[in-house]
């Protein structure tokens, strides 16, 4: 009986040690609502350093952007975006490349998820087309989970717009 009690105490002690105590929440982008494939060209994603961090970016004011410490991406953000963008079929025109550069992929004090940037279609280094994109999706409720959902929705809107504009 005593051995059983000691074993149970040890087991519960170990389980307590395996539970994170810092309150950090990790997020993935929600599943895309788009039909696959999206693009028939090679694609790549670029992020500025201030977005390429583990913390989810949030714009606190017109001029202040912070990276959350307790609400983080479960994977590298650039990798998450590339995974979403690279659901493409490159058998169409393999010499062409679409570069999508994100300037904003963050929440905002205005209550929106902001997705903004530029895309460039090139053929063997020669620019064929370029355009800016922007999407602001209102959060359905407060919190980072709602923000991540809205960022996924904004990303799908942007990718649909880019697809429609490609020559």
Protein backbone atom coordinates (compact mmCIF):
# COMPACT_ATOMS: atom_id res chain seq x y z
CA UNK A 1 0.00 0.00 0.00
CA UNK A 2 2.81 2.37 0.87
CA UNK A 3 4.58 1.68 -2.46
CA UNK A 4 1.35 2.41 -4.34
CA UNK A 5 0.93 5.73 -2.50
CA UNK A 6 4.54 6.73 -3.23
CA UNK A 7 4.11 5.75 -6.90
CA UNK A 8 0.94 7.83 -7.20
CA UNK A 9 2.57 10.86 -5.57
CA UNK A 10 5.57 10.54 -7.89
CA UNK A 11 3.30 10.17 -10.95
CA UNK A 12 1.25 13.26 -10.09
CA UNK A 13 4.42 15.19 -9.37
CA UNK A 14 5.84 14.32 -12.79
CA UNK A 15 2.57 15.21 -14.52
CA UNK A 16 2.63 18.58 -12.79
CA UNK A 17 6.14 19.22 -14.09
CA UNK A 18 5.15 18.45 -17.68
CA UNK A 19 2.39 21.09 -17.79
CA UNK A 20 3.53 24.50 -19.04
CA UNK A 21 3.10 27.09 -16.31
CA UNK A 22 3.98 30.25 -18.21
CA UNK A 23 0.54 30.64 -19.85
CA UNK A 24 1.88 30.77 -23.41
CA UNK A 25 -0.63 29.95 -26.16
CA UNK A 26 0.58 28.76 -29.58
CA UNK A 27 -1.50 29.22 -32.75
CA UNK A 28 -1.61 27.85 -36.30
CA UNK A 29 -3.45 29.50 -39.18
CA UNK A 30 -6.90 28.00 -39.74
CA UNK A 31 -7.49 25.75 -42.73
CA UNK A 32 -7.83 27.62 -46.00
CA UNK A 33 -11.28 28.06 -47.48
CA UNK A 34 -9.83 28.22 -51.01
CA UNK A 35 -9.99 25.53 -53.66
CA UNK A 36 -6.63 23.99 -54.53
CA UNK A 37 -4.44 24.61 -56.48
CA UNK A 38 -4.30 28.41 -56.30
CA UNK A 39 -1.32 29.41 -58.45
CA UNK A 40 0.22 27.72 -61.48
CA UNK A 41 3.65 29.27 -60.90
CA UNK A 42 6.44 28.87 -58.35
CA UNK A 43 5.71 30.99 -55.31
CA UNK A 44 7.72 32.38 -52.44
CA UNK A 45 6.91 34.49 -49.40
CA UNK A 46 8.97 37.29 -47.88
CA UNK A 47 8.51 38.97 -44.49
CA UNK A 48 10.24 41.94 -42.90
CA UNK A 49 12.18 41.16 -39.71
CA UNK A 50 9.55 42.73 -37.45
CA UNK A 51 6.97 40.18 -38.63
CA UNK A 52 9.31 37.21 -38.80
CA UNK A 53 9.18 36.58 -35.06
CA UNK A 54 7.54 33.92 -32.92
CA UNK A 55 5.13 36.38 -31.26
CA UNK A 56 1.92 37.40 -33.01
CA UNK A 57 2.25 41.04 -34.10
CA UNK A 58 -0.22 43.62 -32.84
CA UNK A 59 -0.39 47.30 -33.74
CA UNK A 60 -1.13 49.20 -30.50
CA UNK A 61 -1.39 52.60 -32.19
CA UNK A 62 -0.72 54.25 -35.53
CA UNK A 63 3.03 54.10 -34.87
CA UNK A 64 3.61 51.28 -32.36
CA UNK A 65 3.85 47.58 -33.25
CA UNK A 66 4.50 44.94 -30.60
CA UNK A 67 5.15 41.22 -30.70
CA UNK A 68 3.15 39.21 -28.17
CA UNK A 69 5.12 37.18 -25.64
CA UNK A 70 2.38 34.82 -24.45
CA UNK A 71 0.55 34.44 -27.80
CA UNK A 72 2.92 32.95 -30.35
CA UNK A 73 2.90 31.17 -33.70
CA UNK A 74 3.22 27.41 -33.25
CA UNK A 75 5.57 27.41 -36.25
CA UNK A 76 7.65 30.02 -38.03
CA UNK A 77 5.22 32.57 -39.56
CA UNK A 78 7.01 32.63 -42.90
CA UNK A 79 6.69 28.84 -43.02
CA UNK A 80 2.97 29.00 -42.18
CA UNK A 81 2.40 31.55 -44.95
CA UNK A 82 4.48 29.58 -47.46
CA UNK A 83 2.51 26.45 -46.63
CA UNK A 84 -0.73 28.31 -47.43
CA UNK A 85 0.65 29.97 -50.57
CA UNK A 86 2.44 26.90 -51.90
CA UNK A 87 -0.70 24.90 -52.42
CA UNK A 88 0.04 25.48 -56.08
CA UNK A 89 0.59 23.48 -59.22
CA UNK A 90 3.85 24.59 -60.83
CA UNK A 91 3.39 22.40 -63.90
CA UNK A 92 1.75 25.32 -65.73
CA UNK A 93 4.61 27.78 -66.23
CA UNK A 94 7.68 26.66 -64.26
CA UNK A 95 9.90 29.57 -65.40
CA UNK A 96 7.59 32.13 -63.82
CA UNK A 97 7.82 33.03 -60.13
CA UNK A 98 5.35 34.84 -57.87
CA UNK A 99 6.89 36.63 -54.88
CA UNK A 100 4.46 37.75 -52.18
CA UNK A 101 5.95 40.24 -49.72
CA UNK A 102 3.93 40.90 -46.58
CA UNK A 103 4.31 44.33 -44.95
CA UNK A 104 1.53 43.74 -42.43
CA UNK A 105 0.18 40.52 -40.97
CA UNK A 106 -1.05 41.64 -37.59
CA UNK A 107 -3.87 42.66 -35.33
CA UNK A 108 -4.72 46.30 -34.81
CA UNK A 109 -6.07 48.62 -32.14
CA UNK A 110 -8.86 49.35 -34.65
CA UNK A 111 -10.29 45.86 -34.07
CA UNK A 112 -9.14 44.47 -37.42
CA UNK A 113 -6.72 41.87 -38.68
CA UNK A 114 -4.49 43.59 -41.23
CA UNK A 115 -2.90 41.82 -44.21
CA UNK A 116 -0.98 44.11 -46.54
CA UNK A 117 1.88 43.89 -48.99
CA UNK A 118 2.99 43.57 -52.60
CA UNK A 119 3.16 40.75 -55.11
CA UNK A 120 5.48 40.52 -58.10
CA UNK A 121 5.23 38.07 -60.99
CA UNK A 122 8.53 37.58 -62.81
CA UNK A 123 9.79 35.47 -65.66
CA UNK A 124 13.50 34.61 -65.49
CA UNK A 125 14.23 37.78 -63.49
CA UNK A 126 12.14 40.07 -65.69
CA UNK A 127 9.14 41.66 -63.95
CA UNK A 128 5.84 40.90 -65.69
CA UNK A 129 3.33 42.32 -63.21
CA UNK A 130 3.22 43.96 -59.79
CA UNK A 131 0.42 45.08 -57.50
CA UNK A 132 -0.25 45.99 -53.89
CA UNK A 133 -2.77 44.13 -51.76
CA UNK A 134 -4.59 44.96 -48.55
CA UNK A 135 -7.26 43.33 -46.47
CA UNK A 136 -8.78 44.42 -43.17
CA UNK A 137 -11.00 41.83 -41.51
CA UNK A 138 -12.94 42.83 -38.37
CA UNK A 139 -12.44 40.50 -35.41
CA UNK A 140 -15.64 38.65 -34.47
CA UNK A 141 -14.71 38.87 -30.79
CA UNK A 142 -11.79 39.96 -28.63
CA UNK A 143 -8.75 37.75 -28.23
CA UNK A 144 -5.88 36.17 -30.08
CA UNK A 145 -7.87 33.15 -31.25
CA UNK A 146 -10.29 35.48 -33.05
CA UNK A 147 -7.32 37.44 -34.41
CA UNK A 148 -5.72 34.32 -35.88
CA UNK A 149 -9.06 33.34 -37.48
CA UNK A 150 -9.40 36.83 -38.99
CA UNK A 151 -5.79 36.75 -40.26
CA UNK A 152 -6.54 33.44 -42.00
CA UNK A 153 -9.66 34.95 -43.58
CA UNK A 154 -7.72 38.05 -44.68
CA UNK A 155 -4.98 35.88 -46.16
CA UNK A 156 -7.53 33.89 -48.18
CA UNK A 157 -9.07 37.17 -49.46
CA UNK A 158 -5.64 38.43 -50.51
CA UNK A 159 -4.71 35.19 -52.26
CA UNK A 160 -8.02 35.18 -54.14
CA UNK A 161 -7.42 38.78 -55.26
CA UNK A 162 -3.87 37.99 -56.39
CA UNK A 163 -5.10 34.96 -58.35
CA UNK A 164 -7.69 37.11 -60.12
CA UNK A 165 -5.07 39.74 -61.06
CA UNK A 166 -2.39 37.41 -62.41
CA UNK A 167 -1.95 37.66 -66.18
